[in-house]
Amino acid sequence: TKASANKWYVQLMQNNLPLTAGRKYTVSFWAKASKSLQ
């Protein structure tokens, strides 16, 4: 409802994901919007 230069002001997140140095990870998701936006 309010745009900001601070992109994290509207955020959806999942915490506690372990990373291992040197390992490859793949992120995938489906998304759409009410208009073209980033």
Full PDB file with SEQRES, HELIX, SHEET, SSBOND, CRYST1, ORIGX, SCALE, CONECT and MASTER records, all heavy atoms in Angstrom:
SEQRES   1 A   38  THR LYS ALA SER ALA ASN LYS TRP TYR VAL GLN LEU MET          
SEQRES   2 A   38  GLN ASN ASN LEU PRO LEU THR ALA GLY ARG LYS TYR THR          
SEQRES   3 A   38  VAL SER PHE TRP ALA LYS ALA SER LYS SER LEU GLN              
HELIX    1 AA1 LYS A    7  TYR A    9  5                                   3    
CRYST1    1.000    1.000    1.000  90.00  90.00  90.00 P 1           1          
ORIGX1      1.000000  0.000000  0.000000        0.00000                         
ORIGX2      0.000000  1.000000  0.000000        0.00000                         
ORIGX3      0.000000  0.000000  1.000000        0.00000                         
SCALE1      1.000000  0.000000  0.000000        0.00000                         
SCALE2      0.000000  1.000000  0.000000        0.00000                         
SCALE3      0.000000  0.000000  1.000000        0.00000                         
ATOM      1  N   THR A   1       0.810  -1.222   0.000  1.00  0.00           N  
ATOM      2  CA  THR A   1       0.000   0.000   0.000  1.00  0.00           C  
ATOM      3  C   THR A   1       0.840   1.267   0.000  1.00  0.00           C  
ATOM      4  O   THR A   1       0.341   2.343  -0.301  1.00  0.00           O  
ATOM      5  CB  THR A   1      -0.929   0.030   1.225  1.00  0.00           C  
ATOM      6  OG1 THR A   1      -0.134  -0.111   2.417  1.00  0.00           O  
ATOM      7  CG2 THR A   1      -1.950  -1.101   1.156  1.00  0.00           C  
ATOM      8  N   LYS A   2       2.130   1.118   0.336  1.00  0.00           N  
ATOM      9  CA  LYS A   2       3.028   2.278   0.381  1.00  0.00           C  
ATOM     10  C   LYS A   2       4.392   1.846  -0.134  1.00  0.00           C  
ATOM     11  O   LYS A   2       5.080   1.044   0.501  1.00  0.00           O  
ATOM     12  CB  LYS A   2       3.142   2.816   1.812  1.00  0.00           C  
ATOM     13  CG  LYS A   2       3.991   4.056   1.921  1.00  0.00           C  
ATOM     14  CD  LYS A   2       4.034   4.560   3.367  1.00  0.00           C  
ATOM     15  CE  LYS A   2       4.926   5.785   3.457  1.00  0.00           C  
ATOM     16  NZ  LYS A   2       5.050   6.256   4.831  1.00  0.00           N  
ATOM     17  N   ALA A   3       4.800   2.382  -1.278  1.00  0.00           N  
ATOM     18  CA  ALA A   3       6.110   2.044  -1.856  1.00  0.00           C  
ATOM     19  C   ALA A   3       7.224   2.706  -1.049  1.00  0.00           C  
ATOM     20  O   ALA A   3       7.019   3.750  -0.425  1.00  0.00           O  
ATOM     21  CB  ALA A   3       6.185   2.493  -3.305  1.00  0.00           C  
ATOM     22  N   SER A   4       8.400   2.090  -1.071  1.00  0.00           N  
ATOM     23  CA  SER A   4       9.543   2.604  -0.325  1.00  0.00           C  
ATOM     24  C   SER A   4      10.840   2.210  -1.015  1.00  0.00           C  
ATOM     25  O   SER A   4      10.921   1.153  -1.641  1.00  0.00           O  
ATOM     26  CB  SER A   4       9.537   2.039   1.097  1.00  0.00           C  
ATOM     27  OG  SER A   4      10.711   2.414   1.785  1.00  0.00           O  
ATOM     28  N   ALA A   5      11.856   3.041  -0.870  1.00  0.00           N  
ATOM     29  CA  ALA A   5      13.194   2.695  -1.349  1.00  0.00           C  
ATOM     30  C   ALA A   5      13.777   1.568  -0.498  1.00  0.00           C  
ATOM     31  O   ALA A   5      14.686   0.860  -0.930  1.00  0.00           O  
ATOM     32  CB  ALA A   5      14.105   3.919  -1.302  1.00  0.00           C  
ATOM     33  N   ASN A   6      13.260   1.395   0.717  1.00  0.00           N  
ATOM     34  CA  ASN A   6      13.674   0.299   1.601  1.00  0.00           C  
ATOM     35  C   ASN A   6      12.828  -0.921   1.247  1.00  0.00           C  
ATOM     36  O   ASN A   6      11.747  -1.126   1.804  1.00  0.00           O  
ATOM     37  CB  ASN A   6      13.494   0.684   3.063  1.00  0.00           C  
ATOM     38  CG  ASN A   6      14.365   1.847   3.439  1.00  0.00           C  
ATOM     39  OD1 ASN A   6      15.525   1.912   3.057  1.00  0.00           O  
ATOM     40  ND2 ASN A   6      13.820   2.788   4.178  1.00  0.00           N  
ATOM     41  N   LYS A   7      13.325  -1.735   0.328  1.00  0.00           N  
ATOM     42  CA  LYS A   7      12.559  -2.836  -0.238  1.00  0.00           C  
ATOM     43  C   LYS A   7      12.048  -3.822   0.808  1.00  0.00           C  
ATOM     44  O   LYS A   7      11.037  -4.481   0.608  1.00  0.00           O  
ATOM     45  CB  LYS A   7      13.388  -3.570  -1.291  1.00  0.00           C  
ATOM     46  CG  LYS A   7      14.632  -4.263  -0.734  1.00  0.00           C  
ATOM     47  CD  LYS A   7      15.453  -4.894  -1.825  1.00  0.00           C  
ATOM     48  CE  LYS A   7      16.628  -5.665  -1.230  1.00  0.00           C  
ATOM     49  NZ  LYS A   7      17.391  -6.341  -2.275  1.00  0.00           N  
ATOM     50  N   TRP A   8      12.698  -3.928   1.941  1.00  0.00           N  
ATOM     51  CA  TRP A   8      12.332  -4.873   2.987  1.00  0.00           C  
ATOM     52  C   TRP A   8      11.175  -4.368   3.858  1.00  0.00           C  
ATOM     53  O   TRP A   8      10.724  -5.077   4.743  1.00  0.00           O  
ATOM     54  CB  TRP A   8      13.540  -5.203   3.868  1.00  0.00           C  
ATOM     55  CG  TRP A   8      14.097  -3.998   4.559  1.00  0.00           C  
ATOM     56  CD1 TRP A   8      13.712  -3.499   5.777  1.00  0.00           C  
ATOM     57  CD2 TRP A   8      15.114  -3.133   4.087  1.00  0.00           C  
ATOM     58  NE1 TRP A   8      14.421  -2.372   6.079  1.00  0.00           N  
ATOM     59  CE2 TRP A   8      15.302  -2.114   5.043  1.00  0.00           C  
ATOM     60  CE3 TRP A   8      15.886  -3.103   2.936  1.00  0.00           C  
ATOM     61  CZ2 TRP A   8      16.224  -1.090   4.886  1.00  0.00           C  
ATOM     62  CZ3 TRP A   8      16.808  -2.076   2.783  1.00  0.00           C  
ATOM     63  CH2 TRP A   8      16.976  -1.093   3.750  1.00  0.00           C  
ATOM     64  N   TYR A   9      10.656  -3.176   3.599  1.00  0.00           N  
ATOM     65  CA  TYR A   9       9.522  -2.677   4.380  1.00  0.00           C  
ATOM     66  C   TYR A   9       8.265  -3.531   4.181  1.00  0.00           C  
ATOM     67  O   TYR A   9       7.378  -3.528   5.017  1.00  0.00           O  
ATOM     68  CB  TYR A   9       9.234  -1.218   4.050  1.00  0.00           C  
ATOM     69  CG  TYR A   9      10.069  -0.231   4.825  1.00  0.00           C  
ATOM     70  CD1 TYR A   9      11.196  -0.607   5.545  1.00  0.00           C  
ATOM     71  CD2 TYR A   9       9.731   1.103   4.835  1.00  0.00           C  
ATOM     72  CE1 TYR A   9      11.962   0.301   6.241  1.00  0.00           C  
ATOM     73  CE2 TYR A   9      10.493   2.040   5.536  1.00  0.00           C  
ATOM     74  CZ  TYR A   9      11.602   1.625   6.237  1.00  0.00           C  
ATOM     75  OH  TYR A   9      12.354   2.538   6.932  1.00  0.00           O  
ATOM     76  N   VAL A  10       8.191  -4.232   3.061  1.00  0.00           N  
ATOM     77  CA  VAL A  10       7.149  -5.238   2.858  1.00  0.00           C  
ATOM     78  C   VAL A  10       7.882  -6.520   2.494  1.00  0.00           C  
ATOM     79  O   VAL A  10       8.518  -6.605   1.447  1.00  0.00           O  
ATOM     80  CB  VAL A  10       6.147  -4.841   1.747  1.00  0.00           C  
ATOM     81  CG1 VAL A  10       5.128  -5.951   1.549  1.00  0.00           C  
ATOM     82  CG2 VAL A  10       5.470  -3.523   2.088  1.00  0.00           C  
ATOM     83  N   GLN A  11       7.815  -7.497   3.404  1.00  0.00           N  
ATOM     84  CA  GLN A  11       8.674  -8.669   3.276  1.00  0.00           C  
ATOM     85  C   GLN A  11       7.932  -9.929   3.710  1.00  0.00           C  
ATOM     86  O   GLN A  11       7.222  -9.936   4.710  1.00  0.00           O  
ATOM     87  CB  GLN A  11       9.915  -8.469   4.147  1.00  0.00           C  
ATOM     88  CG  GLN A  11      10.973  -9.518   4.030  1.00  0.00           C  
ATOM     89  CD  GLN A  11      12.161  -9.202   4.922  1.00  0.00           C  
ATOM     90  OE1 GLN A  11      12.043  -9.269   6.140  1.00  0.00           O  
ATOM     91  NE2 GLN A  11      13.290  -8.862   4.319  1.00  0.00           N  
ATOM     92  N   LEU A  12       8.124 -10.989   2.949  1.00  0.00           N  
ATOM     93  CA  LEU A  12       7.654 -12.323   3.299  1.00  0.00           C  
ATOM     94  C   LEU A  12       8.901 -13.177   3.416  1.00  0.00           C  
ATOM     95  O   LEU A  12       9.730 -13.184   2.503  1.00  0.00           O  
ATOM     96  CB  LEU A  12       6.732 -12.851   2.193  1.00  0.00           C  
ATOM     97  CG  LEU A  12       6.066 -14.199   2.410  1.00  0.00           C  
ATOM     98  CD1 LEU A  12       5.090 -14.130   3.580  1.00  0.00           C  
ATOM     99  CD2 LEU A  12       5.343 -14.628   1.138  1.00  0.00           C  
ATOM    100  N   MET A  13       9.082 -13.866   4.556  1.00  0.00           N  
ATOM    101  CA  MET A  13      10.341 -14.591   4.724  1.00  0.00           C  
ATOM    102  C   MET A  13      10.171 -15.901   5.455  1.00  0.00           C  
ATOM    103  O   MET A  13       9.179 -16.126   6.151  1.00  0.00           O  
ATOM    104  CB  MET A  13      11.355 -13.721   5.440  1.00  0.00           C  
ATOM    105  CG  MET A  13      11.053 -13.445   6.883  1.00  0.00           C  
ATOM    106  SD  MET A  13      12.324 -12.431   7.611  1.00  0.00           S  
ATOM    107  CE  MET A  13      11.301 -11.271   8.448  1.00  0.00           C  
ATOM    108  N   GLN A  14      11.172 -16.759   5.287  1.00  0.00           N  
ATOM    109  CA  GLN A  14      11.304 -18.019   6.005  1.00  0.00           C  
ATOM    110  C   GLN A  14      12.664 -18.009   6.684  1.00  0.00           C  
ATOM    111  O   GLN A  14      13.692 -17.840   6.018  1.00  0.00           O  
ATOM    112  CB  GLN A  14      11.205 -19.207   5.055  1.00  0.00           C  
ATOM    113  CG  GLN A  14      11.523 -20.539   5.695  1.00  0.00           C  
ATOM    114  CD  GLN A  14      10.522 -20.939   6.760  1.00  0.00           C  
ATOM    115  OE1 GLN A  14       9.331 -20.915   6.505  1.00  0.00           O  
ATOM    116  NE2 GLN A  14      10.985 -21.297   7.934  1.00  0.00           N  
ATOM    117  N   ASN A  15      12.676 -18.163   7.992  1.00  0.00           N  
ATOM    118  CA  ASN A  15      13.920 -18.163   8.769  1.00  0.00           C  
ATOM    119  C   ASN A  15      14.460 -19.575   8.964  1.00  0.00           C  
ATOM    120  O   ASN A  15      13.819 -20.559   8.616  1.00  0.00           O  
ATOM    121  CB  ASN A  15      13.666 -17.538  10.150  1.00  0.00           C  
ATOM    122  CG  ASN A  15      13.461 -16.053  10.068  1.00  0.00           C  
ATOM    123  OD1 ASN A  15      14.222 -15.360   9.425  1.00  0.00           O  
ATOM    124  ND2 ASN A  15      12.420 -15.562  10.711  1.00  0.00           N  
ATOM    125  N   ASN A  16      15.647 -19.641   9.558  1.00  0.00           N  
ATOM    126  CA  ASN A  16      16.280 -20.885  10.004  1.00  0.00           C  
ATOM    127  C   ASN A  16      16.579 -21.876   8.887  1.00  0.00           C  
ATOM    128  O   ASN A  16      16.337 -23.072   9.020  1.00  0.00           O  
ATOM    129  CB  ASN A  16      15.446 -21.550  11.104  1.00  0.00           C  
ATOM    130  CG  ASN A  16      15.306 -20.658  12.310  1.00  0.00           C  
ATOM    131  OD1 ASN A  16      16.260 -20.000  12.721  1.00  0.00           O  
ATOM    132  ND2 ASN A  16      14.107 -20.592  12.863  1.00  0.00           N  
ATOM    133  N   LEU A  17      17.118 -21.360   7.790  1.00  0.00           N  
ATOM    134  CA  LEU A  17      17.539 -22.221   6.687  1.00  0.00           C  
ATOM    135  C   LEU A  17      19.057 -22.369   6.740  1.00  0.00           C  
ATOM    136  O   LEU A  17      19.781 -21.395   6.540  1.00  0.00           O  
ATOM    137  CB  LEU A  17      17.117 -21.612   5.347  1.00  0.00           C  
ATOM    138  CG  LEU A  17      15.612 -21.420   5.160  1.00  0.00           C  
ATOM    139  CD1 LEU A  17      15.336 -20.637   3.887  1.00  0.00           C  
ATOM    140  CD2 LEU A  17      14.896 -22.758   5.149  1.00  0.00           C  
ATOM    141  N   PRO A  18      19.574 -23.563   7.027  1.00  0.00           N  
ATOM    142  CA  PRO A  18      21.022 -23.738   7.111  1.00  0.00           C  
ATOM    143  C   PRO A  18      21.686 -23.724   5.732  1.00  0.00           C  
ATOM    144  O   PRO A  18      21.167 -24.303   4.784  1.00  0.00           O  
ATOM    145  CB  PRO A  18      21.183 -25.106   7.780  1.00  0.00           C  
ATOM    146  CG  PRO A  18      19.922 -25.830   7.471  1.00  0.00           C  
ATOM    147  CD  PRO A  18      18.836 -24.787   7.335  1.00  0.00           C  
ATOM    148  N   LEU A  19      22.809 -23.021   5.639  1.00  0.00           N  
ATOM    149  CA  LEU A  19      23.636 -23.031   4.432  1.00  0.00           C  
ATOM    150  C   LEU A  19      24.967 -23.692   4.768  1.00  0.00           C  
ATOM    151  O   LEU A  19      25.496 -23.508   5.865  1.00  0.00           O  
ATOM    152  CB  LEU A  19      23.923 -21.611   3.945  1.00  0.00           C  
ATOM    153  CG  LEU A  19      22.765 -20.758   3.451  1.00  0.00           C  
ATOM    154  CD1 LEU A  19      23.280 -19.391   3.008  1.00  0.00           C  
ATOM    155  CD2 LEU A  19      22.029 -21.440   2.317  1.00  0.00           C  
ATOM    156  N   THR A  20      25.518 -24.419   3.811  1.00  0.00           N  
ATOM    157  CA  THR A  20      26.839 -25.020   3.941  1.00  0.00           C  
ATOM    158  C   THR A  20      27.739 -24.404   2.885  1.00  0.00           C  
ATOM    159  O   THR A  20      27.395 -24.412   1.690  1.00  0.00           O  
ATOM    160  CB  THR A  20      26.769 -26.550   3.757  1.00  0.00           C  
ATOM    161  OG1 THR A  20      25.875 -27.100   4.729  1.00  0.00           O  
ATOM    162  CG2 THR A  20      28.144 -27.185   3.908  1.00  0.00           C  
ATOM    163  N   ALA A  21      28.873 -23.862   3.306  1.00  0.00           N  
ATOM    164  CA  ALA A  21      29.797 -23.197   2.385  1.00  0.00           C  
ATOM    165  C   ALA A  21      30.148 -24.120   1.218  1.00  0.00           C  
ATOM    166  O   ALA A  21      30.449 -25.305   1.411  1.00  0.00           O  
ATOM    167  CB  ALA A  21      31.062 -22.772   3.114  1.00  0.00           C  
ATOM    168  N   GLY A  22      30.095 -23.573  -0.006  1.00  0.00           N  
ATOM    169  CA  GLY A  22      30.459 -24.316  -1.200  1.00  0.00           C  
ATOM    170  C   GLY A  22      29.345 -25.150  -1.814  1.00  0.00           C  
ATOM    171  O   GLY A  22      29.481 -25.641  -2.928  1.00  0.00           O  
ATOM    172  N   ARG A  23      28.256 -25.302  -1.104  1.00  0.00           N  
ATOM    173  CA  ARG A  23      27.135 -26.098  -1.614  1.00  0.00           C  
ATOM    174  C   ARG A  23      26.215 -25.234  -2.477  1.00  0.00           C  
ATOM    175  O   ARG A  23      25.993 -24.078  -2.184  1.00  0.00           O  
ATOM    176  CB  ARG A  23      26.345 -26.703  -0.466  1.00  0.00           C  
ATOM    177  CG  ARG A  23      25.151 -27.528  -0.944  1.00  0.00           C  
ATOM    178  CD  ARG A  23      24.399 -28.138   0.175  1.00  0.00           C  
ATOM    179  NE  ARG A  23      24.990 -29.443   0.435  1.00  0.00           N  
ATOM    180  CZ  ARG A  23      24.626 -30.233   1.424  1.00  0.00           C  
ATOM    181  NH1 ARG A  23      23.725 -29.846   2.275  1.00  0.00           N  
ATOM    182  NH2 ARG A  23      25.191 -31.407   1.567  1.00  0.00           N  
ATOM    183  N   LYS A  24      25.685 -25.844  -3.552  1.00  0.00           N  
ATOM    184  CA  LYS A  24      24.751 -25.138  -4.423  1.00  0.00           C  
ATOM    185  C   LYS A  24      23.327 -25.313  -3.895  1.00  0.00           C  
ATOM    186  O   LYS A  24      22.959 -26.406  -3.440  1.00  0.00           O  
ATOM    187  CB  LYS A  24      24.834 -25.656  -5.849  1.00  0.00           C  
ATOM    188  CG  LYS A  24      26.093 -25.248  -6.553  1.00  0.00           C  
ATOM    189  CD  LYS A  24      26.062 -25.643  -8.012  1.00  0.00           C  
ATOM    190  CE  LYS A  24      27.344 -25.144  -8.665  1.00  0.00           C  
ATOM    191  NZ  LYS A  24      27.326 -25.337 -10.103  1.00  0.00           N  
ATOM    192  N   TYR A  25      22.550 -24.234  -3.992  1.00  0.00           N  
ATOM    193  CA  TYR A  25      21.152 -24.236  -3.575  1.00  0.00           C  
ATOM    194  C   TYR A  25      20.302 -23.692  -4.709  1.00  0.00           C  
ATOM    195  O   TYR A  25      20.728 -22.806  -5.437  1.00  0.00           O  
ATOM    196  CB  TYR A  25      20.953 -23.370  -2.320  1.00  0.00           C  
ATOM    197  CG  TYR A  25      21.643 -23.948  -1.114  1.00  0.00           C  
ATOM    198  CD1 TYR A  25      22.972 -23.647  -0.840  1.00  0.00           C  
ATOM    199  CD2 TYR A  25      20.982 -24.816  -0.267  1.00  0.00           C  
ATOM    200  CE1 TYR A  25      23.614 -24.198   0.246  1.00  0.00           C  
ATOM    201  CE2 TYR A  25      21.619 -25.377   0.828  1.00  0.00           C  
ATOM    202  CZ  TYR A  25      22.931 -25.058   1.085  1.00  0.00           C  
ATOM    203  OH  TYR A  25      23.570 -25.608   2.163  1.00  0.00           O  
ATOM    204  N   THR A  26      19.099 -24.237  -4.827  1.00  0.00           N  
ATOM    205  CA  THR A  26      18.157 -23.764  -5.827  1.00  0.00           C  
ATOM    206  C   THR A  26      16.913 -23.226  -5.135  1.00  0.00           C  
ATOM    207  O   THR A  26      16.334 -23.892  -4.271  1.00  0.00           O  
ATOM    208  CB  THR A  26      17.766 -24.900  -6.792  1.00  0.00           C  
ATOM    209  OG1 THR A  26      18.944 -25.371  -7.450  1.00  0.00           O  
ATOM    210  CG2 THR A  26      16.754 -24.423  -7.833  1.00  0.00           C  
ATOM    211  N   VAL A  27      16.532 -22.024  -5.529  1.00  0.00           N  
ATOM    212  CA  VAL A  27      15.312 -21.380  -5.039  1.00  0.00           C  
ATOM    213  C   VAL A  27      14.331 -21.362  -6.199  1.00  0.00           C  
ATOM    214  O   VAL A  27      14.695 -20.975  -7.317  1.00  0.00           O  
ATOM    215  CB  VAL A  27      15.593 -19.935  -4.567  1.00  0.00           C  
ATOM    216  CG1 VAL A  27      14.304 -19.243  -4.142  1.00  0.00           C  
ATOM    217  CG2 VAL A  27      16.620 -19.921  -3.444  1.00  0.00           C  
ATOM    218  N   SER A  28      13.107 -21.779  -5.956  1.00  0.00           N  
ATOM    219  CA  SER A  28      12.075 -21.661  -6.983  1.00  0.00           C  
ATOM    220  C   SER A  28      10.759 -21.280  -6.325  1.00  0.00           C  
ATOM    221  O   SER A  28      10.517 -21.594  -5.156  1.00  0.00           O  
ATOM    222  CB  SER A  28      11.934 -22.958  -7.789  1.00  0.00           C  
ATOM    223  OG  SER A  28      11.463 -23.998  -6.974  1.00  0.00           O  
ATOM    224  N   PHE A  29       9.937 -20.585  -7.084  1.00  0.00           N  
ATOM    225  CA  PHE A  29       8.622 -20.171  -6.600  1.00  0.00           C  
ATOM    226  C   PHE A  29       7.767 -19.773  -7.796  1.00  0.00           C  
ATOM    227  O   PHE A  29       8.271 -19.491  -8.876  1.00  0.00           O  
ATOM    228  CB  PHE A  29       8.742 -18.999  -5.611  1.00  0.00           C  
ATOM    229  CG  PHE A  29       9.346 -17.752  -6.180  1.00  0.00           C  
ATOM    230  CD1 PHE A  29       8.549 -16.723  -6.669  1.00  0.00           C  
ATOM    231  CD2 PHE A  29      10.730 -17.601  -6.235  1.00  0.00           C  
ATOM    232  CE1 PHE A  29       9.121 -15.575  -7.192  1.00  0.00           C  
ATOM    233  CE2 PHE A  29      11.305 -16.454  -6.761  1.00  0.00           C  
ATOM    234  CZ  PHE A  29      10.495 -15.441  -7.248  1.00  0.00           C  
ATOM    235  N   TRP A  30       6.485 -19.757  -7.590  1.00  0.00           N  
ATOM    236  CA  TRP A  30       5.529 -19.262  -8.577  1.00  0.00           C  
ATOM    237  C   TRP A  30       5.025 -17.920  -8.076  1.00  0.00           C  
ATOM    238  O   TRP A  30       4.817 -17.740  -6.866  1.00  0.00           O  
ATOM    239  CB  TRP A  30       4.358 -20.222  -8.725  1.00  0.00           C  
ATOM    240  CG  TRP A  30       4.691 -21.466  -9.489  1.00  0.00           C  
ATOM    241  CD1 TRP A  30       5.344 -22.566  -9.012  1.00  0.00           C  
ATOM    242  CD2 TRP A  30       4.403 -21.730 -10.852  1.00  0.00           C  
ATOM    243  NE1 TRP A  30       5.477 -23.502 -10.002  1.00  0.00           N  
ATOM    244  CE2 TRP A  30       4.897 -23.017 -11.148  1.00  0.00           C  
ATOM    245  CE3 TRP A  30       3.763 -21.007 -11.860  1.00  0.00           C  
ATOM    246  CZ2 TRP A  30       4.772 -23.596 -12.398  1.00  0.00           C  
ATOM    247  CZ3 TRP A  30       3.632 -21.589 -13.109  1.00  0.00           C  
ATOM    248  CH2 TRP A  30       4.142 -22.867 -13.368  1.00  0.00           C  
ATOM    249  N   ALA A  31       4.822 -16.971  -8.999  1.00  0.00           N  
ATOM    250  CA  ALA A  31       4.335 -15.653  -8.588  1.00  0.00           C  
ATOM    251  C   ALA A  31       3.612 -14.966  -9.733  1.00  0.00           C  
ATOM    252  O   ALA A  31       3.816 -15.291 -10.909  1.00  0.00           O  
ATOM    253  CB  ALA A  31       5.492 -14.777  -8.112  1.00  0.00           C  
ATOM    254  N   LYS A  32       2.765 -14.018  -9.359  1.00  0.00           N  
ATOM    255  CA  LYS A  32       2.125 -13.110 -10.301  1.00  0.00           C  
ATOM    256  C   LYS A  32       1.782 -11.842  -9.537  1.00  0.00           C  
ATOM    257  O   LYS A  32       1.890 -11.794  -8.305  1.00  0.00           O  
ATOM    258  CB  LYS A  32       0.882 -13.721 -10.954  1.00  0.00           C  
ATOM    259  CG  LYS A  32      -0.309 -13.870 -10.037  1.00  0.00           C  
ATOM    260  CD  LYS A  32      -1.505 -14.348 -10.823  1.00  0.00           C  
ATOM    261  CE  LYS A  32      -2.778 -14.330  -9.993  1.00  0.00           C  
ATOM    262  NZ  LYS A  32      -3.967 -14.573 -10.803  1.00  0.00           N  
ATOM    263  N   ALA A  33       1.369 -10.804 -10.255  1.00  0.00           N  
ATOM    264  CA  ALA A  33       1.055  -9.524  -9.619  1.00  0.00           C  
ATOM    265  C   ALA A  33      -0.138  -8.876 -10.321  1.00  0.00           C  
ATOM    266  O   ALA A  33      -0.517  -9.268 -11.425  1.00  0.00           O  
ATOM    267  CB  ALA A  33       2.261  -8.594  -9.666  1.00  0.00           C  
ATOM    268  N   SER A  34      -0.691  -7.875  -9.670  1.00  0.00           N  
ATOM    269  CA  SER A  34      -1.851  -7.160 -10.226  1.00  0.00           C  
ATOM    270  C   SER A  34      -1.463  -6.290 -11.417  1.00  0.00           C  
ATOM    271  O   SER A  34      -2.320  -5.861 -12.191  1.00  0.00           O  
ATOM    272  CB  SER A  34      -2.511  -6.312  -9.149  1.00  0.00           C  
ATOM    273  OG  SER A  34      -1.573  -5.392  -8.596  1.00  0.00           O  
ATOM    274  N   LYS A  35      -0.157  -6.032 -11.573  1.00  0.00           N  
ATOM    275  CA  LYS A  35       0.398  -5.288 -12.700  1.00  0.00           C  
ATOM    276  C   LYS A  35       1.863  -5.671 -12.804  1.00  0.00           C  
ATOM    277  O   LYS A  35       2.410  -6.307 -11.903  1.00  0.00           O  
ATOM    278  CB  LYS A  35       0.259  -3.777 -12.476  1.00  0.00           C  
ATOM    279  CG  LYS A  35       1.003  -3.279 -11.243  1.00  0.00           C  
ATOM    280  CD  LYS A  35       0.783  -1.803 -10.998  1.00  0.00           C  
ATOM    281  CE  LYS A  35       1.538  -1.338  -9.757  1.00  0.00           C  
ATOM    282  NZ  LYS A  35       1.299   0.069  -9.491  1.00  0.00           N  
ATOM    283  N   SER A  36       2.524  -5.305 -13.873  1.00  0.00           N  
ATOM    284  CA  SER A  36       3.945  -5.597 -14.008  1.00  0.00           C  
ATOM    285  C   SER A  36       4.712  -4.822 -12.931  1.00  0.00           C  
ATOM    286  O   SER A  36       4.582  -3.605 -12.826  1.00  0.00           O  
ATOM    287  CB  SER A  36       4.431  -5.194 -15.398  1.00  0.00           C  
ATOM    288  OG  SER A  36       5.809  -5.468 -15.518  1.00  0.00           O  
ATOM    289  N   LEU A  37       5.482  -5.553 -12.119  1.00  0.00           N  
ATOM    290  CA  LEU A  37       6.283  -4.918 -11.064  1.00  0.00           C  
ATOM    291  C   LEU A  37       7.445  -5.806 -10.682  1.00  0.00           C  
ATOM    292  O   LEU A  37       7.474  -6.977 -11.030  1.00  0.00           O  
ATOM    293  CB  LEU A  37       5.432  -4.551  -9.847  1.00  0.00           C  
ATOM    294  CG  LEU A  37       4.610  -5.640  -9.152  1.00  0.00           C  
ATOM    295  CD1 LEU A  37       5.460  -6.502  -8.254  1.00  0.00           C  
ATOM    296  CD2 LEU A  37       3.509  -4.985  -8.337  1.00  0.00           C  
ATOM    297  N   GLN A  38       8.401  -5.247  -9.969  1.00  0.00           N  
ATOM    298  CA  GLN A  38       9.598  -5.992  -9.572  1.00  0.00           C  
ATOM    299  C   GLN A  38       9.589  -6.310  -8.084  1.00  0.00           C  
ATOM    300  O   GLN A  38       9.154  -5.492  -7.269  1.00  0.00           O  
ATOM    301  CB  GLN A  38      10.863  -5.192  -9.886  1.00  0.00           C  
ATOM    302  CG  GLN A  38      11.159  -5.095 -11.359  1.00  0.00           C  
ATOM    303  CD  GLN A  38      12.501  -4.442 -11.623  1.00  0.00           C  
ATOM    304  OE1 GLN A  38      12.996  -3.653 -10.837  1.00  0.00           O  
ATOM    305  NE2 GLN A  38      13.081  -4.771 -12.767  1.00  0.00           N  
TER     306      GLN A  38                                                      
MASTER        0    0    0    1    0    0    0    6  305    1    0    3          
END                                                                             
